[in-house]
């Protein structure tokens, strides 16, 4: 049940960041928000890390490609980096407890 809630939150965050992307030109802030939100949500549900990265980054990438800006596909990279860091942090904390 927690996974579905986290995925729903990730999709809402992705759509919010899409609207943020349309209104501002703060690429650094947006990139850090992509990394931070995907990291935090992956810490909550590490088994769906890839889905979280896609739910957060894909709305921006799809909108940008649809409107002729292929460079914004980098949003998927940033959300994937955040999800990978969150997954590694969660895996590290689980193995530290087991050992």
C-alpha atoms as a PDB file:
ATOM      1  CA  UNK A   1       0.000   0.000   0.000  1.00  0.00           C
ATOM      2  CA  UNK A   2       2.841   2.379   0.831  1.00  0.00           C
ATOM      3  CA  UNK A   3       4.322   1.902  -2.642  1.00  0.00           C
ATOM      4  CA  UNK A   4       1.159   3.125  -4.349  1.00  0.00           C
ATOM      5  CA  UNK A   5       0.973   6.175  -2.115  1.00  0.00           C
ATOM      6  CA  UNK A   6       4.622   7.000  -2.794  1.00  0.00           C
ATOM      7  CA  UNK A   7       4.091   6.563  -6.548  1.00  0.00           C
ATOM      8  CA  UNK A   8       1.046   8.839  -6.453  1.00  0.00           C
ATOM      9  CA  UNK A   9       3.046  11.472  -4.572  1.00  0.00           C
ATOM     10  CA  UNK A  10       5.892  11.086  -7.092  1.00  0.00           C
ATOM     11  CA  UNK A  11       3.510  11.689  -9.987  1.00  0.00           C
ATOM     12  CA  UNK A  12       2.069  14.776  -8.288  1.00  0.00           C
ATOM     13  CA  UNK A  13       5.617  16.048  -7.671  1.00  0.00           C
ATOM     14  CA  UNK A  14       6.494  15.385 -11.319  1.00  0.00           C
ATOM     15  CA  UNK A  15       3.495  17.371 -12.522  1.00  0.00           C
ATOM     16  CA  UNK A  16       4.288  20.183 -10.079  1.00  0.00           C
ATOM     17  CA  UNK A  17       7.865  20.316 -11.339  1.00  0.00           C
ATOM     18  CA  UNK A  18       6.537  20.395 -14.905  1.00  0.00           C
ATOM     19  CA  UNK A  19       4.537  23.512 -14.077  1.00  0.00           C
ATOM     20  CA  UNK A  20       7.585  24.932 -12.281  1.00  0.00           C
ATOM     21  CA  UNK A  21       9.681  24.220 -15.380  1.00  0.00           C
ATOM     22  CA  UNK A  22       7.230  26.134 -17.555  1.00  0.00           C
ATOM     23  CA  UNK A  23       7.209  29.242 -15.357  1.00  0.00           C
ATOM     24  CA  UNK A  24      10.829  29.755 -14.330  1.00  0.00           C
ATOM     25  CA  UNK A  25      14.327  29.583 -15.706  1.00  0.00           C
ATOM     26  CA  UNK A  26      16.073  28.349 -12.542  1.00  0.00           C
ATOM     27  CA  UNK A  27      17.656  25.202 -13.899  1.00  0.00           C
ATOM     28  CA  UNK A  28      19.866  24.632 -10.862  1.00  0.00           C
ATOM     29  CA  UNK A  29      16.967  24.853  -8.441  1.00  0.00           C
ATOM     30  CA  UNK A  30      14.867  22.547 -10.577  1.00  0.00           C
ATOM     31  CA  UNK A  31      17.683  19.999 -10.911  1.00  0.00           C
ATOM     32  CA  UNK A  32      18.203  19.960  -7.157  1.00  0.00           C
ATOM     33  CA  UNK A  33      14.455  19.544  -6.605  1.00  0.00           C
ATOM     34  CA  UNK A  34      14.436  16.592  -9.011  1.00  0.00           C
ATOM     35  CA  UNK A  35      17.297  14.906  -7.169  1.00  0.00           C
ATOM     36  CA  UNK A  36      16.009  15.696  -3.667  1.00  0.00           C
ATOM     37  CA  UNK A  37      12.413  14.598  -4.198  1.00  0.00           C
ATOM     38  CA  UNK A  38      13.318  11.373  -5.977  1.00  0.00           C
ATOM     39  CA  UNK A  39      15.884  10.602  -3.265  1.00  0.00           C
ATOM     40  CA  UNK A  40      13.399  11.217  -0.455  1.00  0.00           C
ATOM     41  CA  UNK A  41      10.614   9.198  -2.045  1.00  0.00           C
ATOM     42  CA  UNK A  42      12.983   6.328  -2.861  1.00  0.00           C
ATOM     43  CA  UNK A  43      14.020   6.218   0.783  1.00  0.00           C
ATOM     44  CA  UNK A  44      10.341   5.676   1.606  1.00  0.00           C
ATOM     45  CA  UNK A  45       9.814   2.909  -0.987  1.00  0.00           C
ATOM     46  CA  UNK A  46      13.098   1.574  -2.412  1.00  0.00           C
ATOM     47  CA  UNK A  47      11.528  -1.297  -4.361  1.00  0.00           C
ATOM     48  CA  UNK A  48       9.913   1.121  -6.806  1.00  0.00           C
ATOM     49  CA  UNK A  49      12.942   3.364  -7.342  1.00  0.00           C
ATOM     50  CA  UNK A  50      12.758   3.191 -11.139  1.00  0.00           C
ATOM     51  CA  UNK A  51       9.049   3.996 -11.170  1.00  0.00           C
ATOM     52  CA  UNK A  52       9.667   6.943  -8.839  1.00  0.00           C
ATOM     53  CA  UNK A  53      12.393   8.304 -11.119  1.00  0.00           C
ATOM     54  CA  UNK A  54      10.097   7.974 -14.129  1.00  0.00           C
ATOM     55  CA  UNK A  55       7.076   9.481 -12.378  1.00  0.00           C
ATOM     56  CA  UNK A  56       9.094  12.535 -11.378  1.00  0.00           C
ATOM     57  CA  UNK A  57      11.232  13.075 -14.481  1.00  0.00           C
ATOM     58  CA  UNK A  58       9.067  11.817 -17.334  1.00  0.00           C
ATOM     59  CA  UNK A  59       6.442  14.611 -17.335  1.00  0.00           C
ATOM     60  CA  UNK A  60       9.147  17.247 -17.890  1.00  0.00           C
ATOM     61  CA  UNK A  61      10.976  15.166 -20.498  1.00  0.00           C
ATOM     62  CA  UNK A  62       7.827  14.237 -22.429  1.00  0.00           C
ATOM     63  CA  UNK A  63       6.484  17.798 -22.469  1.00  0.00           C
ATOM     64  CA  UNK A  64       9.805  19.183 -23.625  1.00  0.00           C
ATOM     65  CA  UNK A  65      10.305  16.603 -26.373  1.00  0.00           C
ATOM     66  CA  UNK A  66       6.718  17.148 -27.547  1.00  0.00           C
ATOM     67  CA  UNK A  67       7.453  20.876 -27.867  1.00  0.00           C
ATOM     68  CA  UNK A  68      10.796  20.452 -29.622  1.00  0.00           C
ATOM     69  CA  UNK A  69      13.278  20.742 -26.750  1.00  0.00           C
ATOM     70  CA  UNK A  70      15.041  17.402 -26.565  1.00  0.00           C
ATOM     71  CA  UNK A  71      17.674  18.652 -24.128  1.00  0.00           C
ATOM     72  CA  UNK A  72      15.206  18.530 -21.244  1.00  0.00           C
ATOM     73  CA  UNK A  73      15.416  14.723 -21.278  1.00  0.00           C
ATOM     74  CA  UNK A  74      18.202  15.369 -18.774  1.00  0.00           C
ATOM     75  CA  UNK A  75      15.393  15.665 -16.196  1.00  0.00           C
ATOM     76  CA  UNK A  76      15.170  11.869 -16.331  1.00  0.00           C
ATOM     77  CA  UNK A  77      18.876  11.651 -15.570  1.00  0.00           C
ATOM     78  CA  UNK A  78      18.585  13.897 -12.522  1.00  0.00           C
ATOM     79  CA  UNK A  79      15.570  12.051 -11.139  1.00  0.00           C
ATOM     80  CA  UNK A  80      17.346   8.749 -11.799  1.00  0.00           C
ATOM     81  CA  UNK A  81      20.433   9.943  -9.944  1.00  0.00           C
ATOM     82  CA  UNK A  82      18.316  10.904  -6.947  1.00  0.00           C
ATOM     83  CA  UNK A  83      16.535   7.555  -6.975  1.00  0.00           C
ATOM     84  CA  UNK A  84      19.835   5.684  -7.251  1.00  0.00           C
ATOM     85  CA  UNK A  85      21.310   7.586  -4.311  1.00  0.00           C
ATOM     86  CA  UNK A  86      18.178   6.949  -2.249  1.00  0.00           C
ATOM     87  CA  UNK A  87      18.244   3.258  -3.118  1.00  0.00           C
ATOM     88  CA  UNK A  88      21.928   2.985  -2.202  1.00  0.00           C
ATOM     89  CA  UNK A  89      21.348   4.793   1.087  1.00  0.00           C
ATOM     90  CA  UNK A  90      18.457   2.497   1.968  1.00  0.00           C
ATOM     91  CA  UNK A  91      20.405  -0.623   0.966  1.00  0.00           C
ATOM     92  CA  UNK A  92      23.379   0.552   3.004  1.00  0.00           C
ATOM     93  CA  UNK A  93      21.280   1.085   6.100  1.00  0.00           C
ATOM     94  CA  UNK A  94      19.709  -2.371   5.762  1.00  0.00           C
ATOM     95  CA  UNK A  95      23.060  -4.147   5.391  1.00  0.00           C
ATOM     96  CA  UNK A  96      24.530  -2.183   8.305  1.00  0.00           C
ATOM     97  CA  UNK A  97      21.755  -3.458  10.566  1.00  0.00           C
ATOM     98  CA  UNK A  98      22.142  -7.037   9.371  1.00  0.00           C
ATOM     99  CA  UNK A  99      25.896  -7.133   9.971  1.00  0.00           C
END
